[in-house]
């Protein structure tokens, strides 16, 4: 099992942050299905202020290219992503349209 970790910032607005958190209490079933169908076996999002961290565990079928193609072909995923842009802001260094930034692992306790 492989793990990827990402980060993203939210708008610095408590009302918008609350809305974002509320959306994630009841993620649309089509979004959950698209995540699982891509080979993602586990996903958690953590928040500190307006900073988010996403931990994603994947199986051997997962690839970023395959996930991107699946998302691009799924109107419900596109609708969800458009809705989430209301709350999210790109990090410095992000390319246009890029949201979640892949983090580099720099330490492991048990190797």
PDB file of N, CA and C in Angstrom:
ATOM      1  N   UNK A   1       0.852  -1.173   0.000  1.00  0.00           N
ATOM      2  CA  UNK A   1       0.000   0.000   0.000  1.00  0.00           C
ATOM      3  C   UNK A   1       0.900   1.239   0.000  1.00  0.00           C
ATOM      4  N   UNK A   2       0.615   2.158  -0.873  1.00  0.00           N
ATOM      5  CA  UNK A   2       1.381   3.382  -0.982  1.00  0.00           C
ATOM      6  C   UNK A   2       0.554   4.542  -0.430  1.00  0.00           C
ATOM      7  N   UNK A   3       1.236   5.517   0.153  1.00  0.00           N
ATOM      8  CA  UNK A   3       0.577   6.684   0.743  1.00  0.00           C
ATOM      9  C   UNK A   3       1.100   7.954   0.073  1.00  0.00           C
ATOM     10  N   UNK A   4       0.161   8.871  -0.218  1.00  0.00           N
ATOM     11  CA  UNK A   4       0.493  10.196  -0.748  1.00  0.00           C
ATOM     12  C   UNK A   4      -0.114  11.223   0.199  1.00  0.00           C
ATOM     13  N   UNK A   5       0.601  12.325   0.398  1.00  0.00           N
ATOM     14  CA  UNK A   5       0.118  13.386   1.285  1.00  0.00           C
ATOM     15  C   UNK A   5       0.116  14.693   0.500  1.00  0.00           C
ATOM     16  N   UNK A   6      -0.966  15.442   0.648  1.00  0.00           N
ATOM     17  CA  UNK A   6      -1.160  16.695  -0.080  1.00  0.00           C
ATOM     18  C   UNK A   6      -1.516  17.812   0.898  1.00  0.00           C
ATOM     19  N   UNK A   7      -1.346  19.046   0.436  1.00  0.00           N
ATOM     20  CA  UNK A   7      -1.769  20.193   1.228  1.00  0.00           C
ATOM     21  C   UNK A   7      -2.492  21.197   0.328  1.00  0.00           C
ATOM     22  N   UNK A   8      -3.324  22.005   0.953  1.00  0.00           N
ATOM     23  CA  UNK A   8      -4.123  23.013   0.259  1.00  0.00           C
ATOM     24  C   UNK A   8      -4.595  24.016   1.292  1.00  0.00           C
ATOM     25  N   UNK A   9      -4.790  25.246   0.883  1.00  0.00           N
ATOM     26  CA  UNK A   9      -5.341  26.254   1.784  1.00  0.00           C
ATOM     27  C   UNK A   9      -6.779  26.577   1.408  1.00  0.00           C
ATOM     28  N   UNK A  10      -7.536  26.962   2.427  1.00  0.00           N
ATOM     29  CA  UNK A  10      -8.897  27.450   2.236  1.00  0.00           C
ATOM     30  C   UNK A  10      -8.898  28.975   2.333  1.00  0.00           C
ATOM     31  N   UNK A  11      -9.960  29.572   1.832  1.00  0.00           N
ATOM     32  CA  UNK A  11     -10.150  31.012   2.006  1.00  0.00           C
ATOM     33  C   UNK A  11     -10.087  31.336   3.496  1.00  0.00           C
ATOM     34  N   UNK A  12      -9.513  32.460   3.852  1.00  0.00           N
ATOM     35  CA  UNK A  12      -9.438  32.858   5.265  1.00  0.00           C
ATOM     36  C   UNK A  12     -10.743  33.537   5.657  1.00  0.00           C
ATOM     37  N   UNK A  13     -11.787  32.741   5.747  1.00  0.00           N
ATOM     38  CA  UNK A  13     -13.131  33.220   6.062  1.00  0.00           C
ATOM     39  C   UNK A  13     -13.811  32.116   6.858  1.00  0.00           C
ATOM     40  N   UNK A  14     -14.084  32.378   8.128  1.00  0.00           N
ATOM     41  CA  UNK A  14     -14.629  31.330   9.014  1.00  0.00           C
ATOM     42  C   UNK A  14     -15.946  30.758   8.501  1.00  0.00           C
ATOM     43  N   UNK A  15     -16.801  31.600   7.918  1.00  0.00           N
ATOM     44  CA  UNK A  15     -18.078  31.098   7.396  1.00  0.00           C
ATOM     45  C   UNK A  15     -17.840  30.126   6.234  1.00  0.00           C
ATOM     46  N   UNK A  16     -16.918  30.476   5.331  1.00  0.00           N
ATOM     47  CA  UNK A  16     -16.611  29.581   4.212  1.00  0.00           C
ATOM     48  C   UNK A  16     -15.938  28.302   4.689  1.00  0.00           C
ATOM     49  N   UNK A  17     -15.053  28.413   5.665  1.00  0.00           N
ATOM     50  CA  UNK A  17     -14.403  27.218   6.214  1.00  0.00           C
ATOM     51  C   UNK A  17     -15.446  26.287   6.815  1.00  0.00           C
ATOM     52  N   UNK A  18     -16.414  26.839   7.545  1.00  0.00           N
ATOM     53  CA  UNK A  18     -17.480  26.015   8.129  1.00  0.00           C
ATOM     54  C   UNK A  18     -18.272  25.319   7.028  1.00  0.00           C
ATOM     55  N   UNK A  19     -18.616  26.042   5.968  1.00  0.00           N
ATOM     56  CA  UNK A  19     -19.341  25.429   4.850  1.00  0.00           C
ATOM     57  C   UNK A  19     -18.536  24.282   4.248  1.00  0.00           C
ATOM     58  N   UNK A  20     -17.241  24.497   4.061  1.00  0.00           N
ATOM     59  CA  UNK A  20     -16.375  23.472   3.472  1.00  0.00           C
ATOM     60  C   UNK A  20     -16.367  22.221   4.352  1.00  0.00           C
ATOM     61  N   UNK A  21     -16.210  22.418   5.642  1.00  0.00           N
ATOM     62  CA  UNK A  21     -16.217  21.290   6.579  1.00  0.00           C
ATOM     63  C   UNK A  21     -17.569  20.581   6.519  1.00  0.00           C
ATOM     64  N   UNK A  22     -18.649  21.347   6.471  1.00  0.00           N
ATOM     65  CA  UNK A  22     -19.988  20.753   6.401  1.00  0.00           C
ATOM     66  C   UNK A  22     -20.172  19.920   5.133  1.00  0.00           C
ATOM     67  N   UNK A  23     -19.673  20.404   3.987  1.00  0.00           N
ATOM     68  CA  UNK A  23     -19.762  19.619   2.748  1.00  0.00           C
ATOM     69  C   UNK A  23     -19.078  18.269   2.921  1.00  0.00           C
ATOM     70  N   UNK A  24     -17.996  18.239   3.692  1.00  0.00           N
ATOM     71  CA  UNK A  24     -17.230  17.005   3.842  1.00  0.00           C
ATOM     72  C   UNK A  24     -17.801  16.069   4.906  1.00  0.00           C
ATOM     73  N   UNK A  25     -18.847  16.493   5.572  1.00  0.00           N
ATOM     74  CA  UNK A  25     -19.557  15.597   6.489  1.00  0.00           C
ATOM     75  C   UNK A  25     -20.512  14.683   5.729  1.00  0.00           C
ATOM     76  N   UNK A  26     -20.832  15.063   4.496  1.00  0.00           N
ATOM     77  CA  UNK A  26     -21.765  14.281   3.688  1.00  0.00           C
ATOM     78  C   UNK A  26     -21.371  14.388   2.213  1.00  0.00           C
ATOM     79  N   UNK A  27     -20.197  13.849   1.891  1.00  0.00           N
ATOM     80  CA  UNK A  27     -19.697  13.895   0.513  1.00  0.00           C
ATOM     81  C   UNK A  27     -20.640  13.104  -0.385  1.00  0.00           C
ATOM     82  N   UNK A  28     -20.883  13.649  -1.566  1.00  0.00           N
ATOM     83  CA  UNK A  28     -21.790  12.993  -2.507  1.00  0.00           C
ATOM     84  C   UNK A  28     -21.349  11.551  -2.771  1.00  0.00           C
ATOM     85  N   UNK A  29     -22.294  10.626  -2.861  1.00  0.00           N
ATOM     86  CA  UNK A  29     -21.955   9.212  -3.113  1.00  0.00           C
ATOM     87  C   UNK A  29     -21.166   9.010  -4.406  1.00  0.00           C
ATOM     88  N   UNK A  30     -21.453   9.817  -5.429  1.00  0.00           N
ATOM     89  CA  UNK A  30     -20.731   9.690  -6.701  1.00  0.00           C
ATOM     90  C   UNK A  30     -19.252  10.036  -6.538  1.00  0.00           C
ATOM     91  N   UNK A  31     -18.961  10.942  -5.616  1.00  0.00           N
ATOM     92  CA  UNK A  31     -17.566  11.334  -5.370  1.00  0.00           C
ATOM     93  C   UNK A  31     -16.847  10.207  -4.638  1.00  0.00           C
ATOM     94  N   UNK A  32     -17.507   9.641  -3.637  1.00  0.00           N
ATOM     95  CA  UNK A  32     -16.936   8.508  -2.901  1.00  0.00           C
ATOM     96  C   UNK A  32     -16.638   7.359  -3.878  1.00  0.00           C
ATOM     97  N   UNK A  33     -17.590   7.055  -4.754  1.00  0.00           N
ATOM     98  CA  UNK A  33     -17.416   5.976  -5.734  1.00  0.00           C
ATOM     99  C   UNK A  33     -16.246   6.268  -6.669  1.00  0.00           C
ATOM    100  N   UNK A  34     -16.130   7.519  -7.131  1.00  0.00           N
ATOM    101  CA  UNK A  34     -15.033   7.862  -8.040  1.00  0.00           C
ATOM    102  C   UNK A  34     -13.681   7.715  -7.355  1.00  0.00           C
ATOM    103  N   UNK A  35     -13.615   8.024  -6.080  1.00  0.00           N
ATOM    104  CA  UNK A  35     -12.377   7.871  -5.313  1.00  0.00           C
ATOM    105  C   UNK A  35     -11.997   6.396  -5.238  1.00  0.00           C
ATOM    106  N   UNK A  36     -12.945   5.568  -4.849  1.00  0.00           N
ATOM    107  CA  UNK A  36     -12.676   4.131  -4.709  1.00  0.00           C
ATOM    108  C   UNK A  36     -12.356   3.483  -6.051  1.00  0.00           C
ATOM    109  N   UNK A  37     -13.078   3.879  -7.106  1.00  0.00           N
ATOM    110  CA  UNK A  37     -12.856   3.298  -8.434  1.00  0.00           C
ATOM    111  C   UNK A  37     -11.461   3.606  -8.980  1.00  0.00           C
ATOM    112  N   UNK A  38     -10.847   4.671  -8.482  1.00  0.00           N
ATOM    113  CA  UNK A  38      -9.509   5.062  -8.949  1.00  0.00           C
ATOM    114  C   UNK A  38      -8.393   4.270  -8.265  1.00  0.00           C
ATOM    115  N   UNK A  39      -8.758   3.424  -7.297  1.00  0.00           N
ATOM    116  CA  UNK A  39      -7.742   2.656  -6.590  1.00  0.00           C
ATOM    117  C   UNK A  39      -7.306   3.288  -5.282  1.00  0.00           C
ATOM    118  N   UNK A  40      -8.080   4.253  -4.806  1.00  0.00           N
ATOM    119  CA  UNK A  40      -7.794   4.887  -3.518  1.00  0.00           C
ATOM    120  C   UNK A  40      -8.518   4.076  -2.450  1.00  0.00           C
ATOM    121  N   UNK A  41      -7.763   3.530  -1.516  1.00  0.00           N
ATOM    122  CA  UNK A  41      -8.333   2.641  -0.503  1.00  0.00           C
ATOM    123  C   UNK A  41      -8.568   3.334   0.831  1.00  0.00           C
ATOM    124  N   UNK A  42      -7.960   4.483   1.027  1.00  0.00           N
ATOM    125  CA  UNK A  42      -8.146   5.242   2.257  1.00  0.00           C
ATOM    126  C   UNK A  42      -7.863   6.705   1.999  1.00  0.00           C
ATOM    127  N   UNK A  43      -8.625   7.573   2.651  1.00  0.00           N
ATOM    128  CA  UNK A  43      -8.414   9.005   2.494  1.00  0.00           C
ATOM    129  C   UNK A  43      -8.877   9.709   3.761  1.00  0.00           C
ATOM    130  N   UNK A  44      -8.042  10.624   4.243  1.00  0.00           N
ATOM    131  CA  UNK A  44      -8.387  11.451   5.395  1.00  0.00           C
ATOM    132  C   UNK A  44      -7.971  12.881   5.087  1.00  0.00           C
ATOM    133  N   UNK A  45      -8.775  13.845   5.552  1.00  0.00           N
ATOM    134  CA  UNK A  45      -8.428  15.258   5.436  1.00  0.00           C
ATOM    135  C   UNK A  45      -8.385  15.835   6.841  1.00  0.00           C
ATOM    136  N   UNK A  46      -7.304  16.553   7.139  1.00  0.00           N
ATOM    137  CA  UNK A  46      -7.128  17.224   8.427  1.00  0.00           C
ATOM    138  C   UNK A  46      -7.049  18.724   8.181  1.00  0.00           C
ATOM    139  N   UNK A  47      -7.489  19.504   9.179  1.00  0.00           N
ATOM    140  CA  UNK A  47      -7.493  20.958   9.047  1.00  0.00           C
ATOM    141  C   UNK A  47      -6.841  21.608  10.256  1.00  0.00           C
ATOM    142  N   UNK A  48      -6.052  22.620   9.993  1.00  0.00           N
ATOM    143  CA  UNK A  48      -5.533  23.512  11.025  1.00  0.00           C
ATOM    144  C   UNK A  48      -5.749  24.921  10.508  1.00  0.00           C
ATOM    145  N   UNK A  49      -6.677  25.652  11.125  1.00  0.00           N
ATOM    146  CA  UNK A  49      -7.018  26.976  10.603  1.00  0.00           C
ATOM    147  C   UNK A  49      -7.561  26.839   9.201  1.00  0.00           C
ATOM    148  N   UNK A  50      -6.899  27.499   8.250  1.00  0.00           N
ATOM    149  CA  UNK A  50      -7.352  27.385   6.864  1.00  0.00           C
ATOM    150  C   UNK A  50      -6.453  26.447   6.048  1.00  0.00           C
ATOM    151  N   UNK A  51      -5.533  25.739   6.706  1.00  0.00           N
ATOM    152  CA  UNK A  51      -4.630  24.808   6.017  1.00  0.00           C
ATOM    153  C   UNK A  51      -5.179  23.393   6.112  1.00  0.00           C
ATOM    154  N   UNK A  52      -5.187  22.688   4.986  1.00  0.00           N
ATOM    155  CA  UNK A  52      -5.657  21.307   4.922  1.00  0.00           C
ATOM    156  C   UNK A  52      -4.508  20.363   4.588  1.00  0.00           C
ATOM    157  N   UNK A  53      -4.584  19.156   5.123  1.00  0.00           N
ATOM    158  CA  UNK A  53      -3.682  18.066   4.765  1.00  0.00           C
ATOM    159  C   UNK A  53      -4.543  16.874   4.386  1.00  0.00           C
ATOM    160  N   UNK A  54      -4.220  16.253   3.270  1.00  0.00           N
ATOM    161  CA  UNK A  54      -4.959  15.096   2.785  1.00  0.00           C
ATOM    162  C   UNK A  54      -3.991  13.919   2.735  1.00  0.00           C
ATOM    163  N   UNK A  55      -4.378  12.828   3.369  1.00  0.00           N
ATOM    164  CA  UNK A  55      -3.594  11.599   3.350  1.00  0.00           C
ATOM    165  C   UNK A  55      -4.382  10.578   2.542  1.00  0.00           C
ATOM    166  N   UNK A  56      -3.729  10.026   1.524  1.00  0.00           N
ATOM    167  CA  UNK A  56      -4.404   9.134   0.588  1.00  0.00           C
ATOM    168  C   UNK A  56      -3.603   7.838   0.491  1.00  0.00           C
ATOM    169  N   UNK A  57      -4.257   6.723   0.722  1.00  0.00           N
ATOM    170  CA  UNK A  57      -3.644   5.414   0.549  1.00  0.00           C
ATOM    171  C   UNK A  57      -4.214   4.785  -0.710  1.00  0.00           C
ATOM    172  N   UNK A  58      -3.321   4.199  -1.513  1.00  0.00           N
ATOM    173  CA  UNK A  58      -3.731   3.681  -2.818  1.00  0.00           C
ATOM    174  C   UNK A  58      -3.254   2.252  -3.015  1.00  0.00           C
ATOM    175  N   UNK A  59      -3.955   1.535  -3.896  1.00  0.00           N
ATOM    176  CA  UNK A  59      -3.510   0.188  -4.250  1.00  0.00           C
ATOM    177  C   UNK A  59      -2.683   0.247  -5.536  1.00  0.00           C
ATOM    178  N   UNK A  60      -2.296  -0.916  -6.033  1.00  0.00           N
ATOM    179  CA  UNK A  60      -1.409  -0.983  -7.189  1.00  0.00           C
ATOM    180  C   UNK A  60      -2.065  -0.509  -8.483  1.00  0.00           C
ATOM    181  N   UNK A  61      -3.395  -0.407  -8.529  1.00  0.00           N
ATOM    182  CA  UNK A  61      -4.071   0.059  -9.748  1.00  0.00           C
ATOM    183  C   UNK A  61      -4.067   1.576  -9.878  1.00  0.00           C
ATOM    184  N   UNK A  62      -3.710   2.292  -8.817  1.00  0.00           N
ATOM    185  CA  UNK A  62      -3.790   3.754  -8.825  1.00  0.00           C
ATOM    186  C   UNK A  62      -2.651   4.386  -9.617  1.00  0.00           C
ATOM    187  N   UNK A  63      -3.020   5.421 -10.390  1.00  0.00           N
ATOM    188  CA  UNK A  63      -2.028   6.328 -10.974  1.00  0.00           C
ATOM    189  C   UNK A  63      -2.667   7.710 -11.041  1.00  0.00           C
ATOM    190  N   UNK A  64      -1.831   8.734 -10.911  1.00  0.00           N
ATOM    191  CA  UNK A  64      -2.349  10.101 -10.969  1.00  0.00           C
ATOM    192  C   UNK A  64      -2.948  10.395 -12.336  1.00  0.00           C
ATOM    193  N   UNK A  65      -2.338   9.852 -13.388  1.00  0.00           N
ATOM    194  CA  UNK A  65      -2.827  10.083 -14.745  1.00  0.00           C
ATOM    195  C   UNK A  65      -4.209   9.445 -14.946  1.00  0.00           C
ATOM    196  N   UNK A  66      -4.360   8.221 -14.466  1.00  0.00           N
ATOM    197  CA  UNK A  66      -5.651   7.527 -14.576  1.00  0.00           C
ATOM    198  C   UNK A  66      -6.725   8.252 -13.784  1.00  0.00           C
ATOM    199  N   UNK A  67      -6.393   8.681 -12.577  1.00  0.00           N
ATOM    200  CA  UNK A  67      -7.369   9.412 -11.745  1.00  0.00           C
ATOM    201  C   UNK A  67      -7.784  10.710 -12.433  1.00  0.00           C
ATOM    202  N   UNK A  68      -6.824  11.446 -12.988  1.00  0.00           N
ATOM    203  CA  UNK A  68      -7.141  12.704 -13.678  1.00  0.00           C
ATOM    204  C   UNK A  68      -8.057  12.458 -14.874  1.00  0.00           C
ATOM    205  N   UNK A  69      -7.790  11.412 -15.642  1.00  0.00           N
ATOM    206  CA  UNK A  69      -8.630  11.088 -16.800  1.00  0.00           C
ATOM    207  C   UNK A  69     -10.032  10.687 -16.362  1.00  0.00           C
ATOM    208  N   UNK A  70     -10.120   9.894 -15.306  1.00  0.00           N
ATOM    209  CA  UNK A  70     -11.433   9.483 -14.793  1.00  0.00           C
ATOM    210  C   UNK A  70     -12.221  10.700 -14.308  1.00  0.00           C
ATOM    211  N   UNK A  71     -11.557  11.598 -13.597  1.00  0.00           N
ATOM    212  CA  UNK A  71     -12.227  12.796 -13.086  1.00  0.00           C
ATOM    213  C   UNK A  71     -12.702  13.697 -14.221  1.00  0.00           C
ATOM    214  N   UNK A  72     -11.868  13.859 -15.243  1.00  0.00           N
ATOM    215  CA  UNK A  72     -12.218  14.712 -16.377  1.00  0.00           C
ATOM    216  C   UNK A  72     -13.441  14.183 -17.121  1.00  0.00           C
ATOM    217  N   UNK A  73     -13.640  12.876 -17.101  1.00  0.00           N
ATOM    218  CA  UNK A  73     -14.757  12.251 -17.812  1.00  0.00           C
ATOM    219  C   UNK A  73     -16.014  12.113 -16.952  1.00  0.00           C
ATOM    220  N   UNK A  74     -15.951  12.549 -15.704  1.00  0.00           N
ATOM    221  CA  UNK A  74     -17.067  12.366 -14.776  1.00  0.00           C
ATOM    222  C   UNK A  74     -17.709  13.718 -14.455  1.00  0.00           C
ATOM    223  N   UNK A  75     -18.906  13.985 -15.010  1.00  0.00           N
ATOM    224  CA  UNK A  75     -19.552  15.287 -14.782  1.00  0.00           C
ATOM    225  C   UNK A  75     -19.821  15.594 -13.304  1.00  0.00           C
ATOM    226  N   UNK A  76     -20.120  14.582 -12.515  1.00  0.00           N
ATOM    227  CA  UNK A  76     -20.405  14.811 -11.092  1.00  0.00           C
ATOM    228  C   UNK A  76     -19.130  15.234 -10.358  1.00  0.00           C
ATOM    229  N   UNK A  77     -18.001  14.624 -10.704  1.00  0.00           N
ATOM    230  CA  UNK A  77     -16.729  15.030 -10.104  1.00  0.00           C
ATOM    231  C   UNK A  77     -16.407  16.467 -10.514  1.00  0.00           C
ATOM    232  N   UNK A  78     -16.644  16.797 -11.768  1.00  0.00           N
ATOM    233  CA  UNK A  78     -16.399  18.164 -12.231  1.00  0.00           C
ATOM    234  C   UNK A  78     -17.282  19.171 -11.484  1.00  0.00           C
ATOM    235  N   UNK A  79     -18.530  18.802 -11.245  1.00  0.00           N
ATOM    236  CA  UNK A  79     -19.449  19.665 -10.488  1.00  0.00           C
ATOM    237  C   UNK A  79     -18.940  19.866  -9.059  1.00  0.00           C
ATOM    238  N   UNK A  80     -18.501  18.779  -8.419  1.00  0.00           N
ATOM    239  CA  UNK A  80     -17.975  18.849  -7.055  1.00  0.00           C
ATOM    240  C   UNK A  80     -16.725  19.744  -6.999  1.00  0.00           C
ATOM    241  N   UNK A  81     -15.815  19.528  -7.949  1.00  0.00           N
ATOM    242  CA  UNK A  81     -14.571  20.307  -7.970  1.00  0.00           C
ATOM    243  C   UNK A  81     -14.853  21.794  -8.176  1.00  0.00           C
ATOM    244  N   UNK A  82     -15.787  22.101  -9.040  1.00  0.00           N
ATOM    245  CA  UNK A  82     -16.168  23.508  -9.264  1.00  0.00           C
ATOM    246  C   UNK A  82     -16.740  24.116  -7.990  1.00  0.00           C
ATOM    247  N   UNK A  83     -17.572  23.369  -7.291  1.00  0.00           N
ATOM    248  CA  UNK A  83     -18.146  23.834  -6.025  1.00  0.00           C
ATOM    249  C   UNK A  83     -17.046  24.071  -4.986  1.00  0.00           C
ATOM    250  N   UNK A  84     -16.074  23.173  -4.904  1.00  0.00           N
ATOM    251  CA  UNK A  84     -15.009  23.284  -3.905  1.00  0.00           C
ATOM    252  C   UNK A  84     -14.091  24.473  -4.151  1.00  0.00           C
ATOM    253  N   UNK A  85     -13.972  24.921  -5.425  1.00  0.00           N
ATOM    254  CA  UNK A  85     -13.122  26.078  -5.724  1.00  0.00           C
ATOM    255  C   UNK A  85     -13.593  27.329  -4.985  1.00  0.00           C
ATOM    256  N   UNK A  86     -14.847  27.384  -4.616  1.00  0.00           N
ATOM    257  CA  UNK A  86     -15.369  28.537  -3.857  1.00  0.00           C
ATOM    258  C   UNK A  86     -14.618  28.699  -2.539  1.00  0.00           C
ATOM    259  N   UNK A  87     -14.139  27.599  -2.000  1.00  0.00           N
ATOM    260  CA  UNK A  87     -13.533  27.571  -0.670  1.00  0.00           C
ATOM    261  C   UNK A  87     -12.006  27.504  -0.703  1.00  0.00           C
ATOM    262  N   UNK A  88     -11.455  26.992  -1.779  1.00  0.00           N
ATOM    263  CA  UNK A  88     -10.029  26.679  -1.848  1.00  0.00           C
ATOM    264  C   UNK A  88      -9.249  27.787  -2.554  1.00  0.00           C
ATOM    265  N   UNK A  89      -7.992  27.937  -2.147  1.00  0.00           N
ATOM    266  CA  UNK A  89      -7.104  28.862  -2.853  1.00  0.00           C
ATOM    267  C   UNK A  89      -5.813  28.103  -3.205  1.00  0.00           C
ATOM    268  N   UNK A  90      -5.298  28.337  -4.404  1.00  0.00           N
ATOM    269  CA  UNK A  90      -4.082  27.633  -4.798  1.00  0.00           C
ATOM    270  C   UNK A  90      -2.885  28.099  -3.964  1.00  0.00           C
ATOM    271  N   UNK A  91      -2.002  27.179  -3.692  1.00  0.00           N
ATOM    272  CA  UNK A  91      -0.775  27.504  -2.967  1.00  0.00           C
ATOM    273  C   UNK A  91       0.231  28.149  -3.916  1.00  0.00           C
ATOM    274  N   UNK A  92       1.182  28.903  -3.376  1.00  0.00           N
ATOM    275  CA  UNK A  92       2.248  29.440  -4.227  1.00  0.00           C
ATOM    276  C   UNK A  92       2.944  28.302  -4.966  1.00  0.00           C
ATOM    277  N   UNK A  93       3.218  28.521  -6.218  1.00  0.00           N
ATOM    278  CA  UNK A  93       3.874  27.497  -7.028  1.00  0.00           C
ATOM    279  C   UNK A  93       2.920  26.569  -7.749  1.00  0.00           C
ATOM    280  N   UNK A  94       1.630  26.666  -7.451  1.00  0.00           N
ATOM    281  CA  UNK A  94       0.643  25.820  -8.133  1.00  0.00           C
ATOM    282  C   UNK A  94       0.458  26.308  -9.573  1.00  0.00           C
ATOM    283  N   UNK A  95       0.270  25.370 -10.473  1.00  0.00           N
ATOM    284  CA  UNK A  95      -0.034  25.702 -11.860  1.00  0.00           C
ATOM    285  C   UNK A  95      -1.508  26.104 -11.955  1.00  0.00           C
ATOM    286  N   UNK A  96      -1.904  26.836 -12.990  1.00  0.00           N
ATOM    287  CA  UNK A  96      -3.315  27.206 -13.136  1.00  0.00           C
ATOM    288  C   UNK A  96      -4.226  25.983 -13.051  1.00  0.00           C
ATOM    289  N   UNK A  97      -5.250  26.076 -12.221  1.00  0.00           N
ATOM    290  CA  UNK A  97      -6.198  24.985 -12.034  1.00  0.00           C
ATOM    291  C   UNK A  97      -5.741  23.916 -11.066  1.00  0.00           C
ATOM    292  N   UNK A  98      -4.515  23.984 -10.577  1.00  0.00           N
ATOM    293  CA  UNK A  98      -3.979  22.983  -9.663  1.00  0.00           C
ATOM    294  C   UNK A  98      -4.386  23.326  -8.237  1.00  0.00           C
ATOM    295  N   UNK A  99      -4.891  22.336  -7.526  1.00  0.00           N
ATOM    296  CA  UNK A  99      -5.354  22.540  -6.158  1.00  0.00           C
ATOM    297  C   UNK A  99      -4.412  21.879  -5.167  1.00  0.00           C
ATOM    298  N   UNK A 100      -4.701  20.644  -4.875  1.00  0.00           N
ATOM    299  CA  UNK A 100      -3.933  19.902  -3.877  1.00  0.00           C
ATOM    300  C   UNK A 100      -2.499  19.725  -4.353  1.00  0.00           C
ATOM    301  N   UNK A 101      -1.535  20.095  -3.502  1.00  0.00           N
ATOM    302  CA  UNK A 101      -0.118  19.992  -3.838  1.00  0.00           C
ATOM    303  C   UNK A 101       0.479  18.788  -3.119  1.00  0.00           C
ATOM    304  N   UNK A 102       1.117  17.921  -3.888  1.00  0.00           N
ATOM    305  CA  UNK A 102       1.761  16.733  -3.352  1.00  0.00           C
ATOM    306  C   UNK A 102       2.937  17.152  -2.479  1.00  0.00           C
ATOM    307  N   UNK A 103       2.978  16.598  -1.272  1.00  0.00           N
ATOM    308  CA  UNK A 103       4.050  16.925  -0.337  1.00  0.00           C
ATOM    309  C   UNK A 103       5.160  15.886  -0.439  1.00  0.00           C
ATOM    310  N   UNK A 104       6.368  16.311  -0.131  1.00  0.00           N
ATOM    311  CA  UNK A 104       7.532  15.431  -0.140  1.00  0.00           C
ATOM    312  C   UNK A 104       7.761  14.878   1.257  1.00  0.00           C
ATOM    313  N   UNK A 105       7.865  13.557   1.361  1.00  0.00           N
ATOM    314  CA  UNK A 105       8.159  12.933   2.652  1.00  0.00           C
ATOM    315  C   UNK A 105       9.641  13.148   2.944  1.00  0.00           C
ATOM    316  N   UNK A 106       9.937  13.661   4.129  1.00  0.00           N
ATOM    317  CA  UNK A 106      11.330  13.924   4.484  1.00  0.00           C
ATOM    318  C   UNK A 106      11.800  13.136   5.699  1.00  0.00           C
ATOM    319  N   UNK A 107      10.894  12.392   6.341  1.00  0.00           N
ATOM    320  CA  UNK A 107      11.270  11.626   7.518  1.00  0.00           C
ATOM    321  C   UNK A 107      10.311  10.463   7.703  1.00  0.00           C
ATOM    322  N   UNK A 108      10.854   9.317   8.095  1.00  0.00           N
ATOM    323  CA  UNK A 108      10.073   8.147   8.481  1.00  0.00           C
ATOM    324  C   UNK A 108      10.687   7.580   9.746  1.00  0.00           C
ATOM    325  N   UNK A 109       9.900   7.364  10.779  1.00  0.00           N
ATOM    326  CA  UNK A 109      10.399   6.830  12.042  1.00  0.00           C
ATOM    327  C   UNK A 109      10.837   5.379  11.891  1.00  0.00           C
ATOM    328  N   UNK A 110       9.983   4.563  11.339  1.00  0.00           N
ATOM    329  CA  UNK A 110      10.259   3.121  11.221  1.00  0.00           C
ATOM    330  C   UNK A 110      10.547   2.772   9.771  1.00  0.00           C
ATOM    331  N   UNK A 111      11.805   2.508   9.476  1.00  0.00           N
ATOM    332  CA  UNK A 111      12.155   2.170   8.091  1.00  0.00           C
ATOM    333  C   UNK A 111      12.513   0.713   7.980  1.00  0.00           C
TER     334      UNK A 111
END
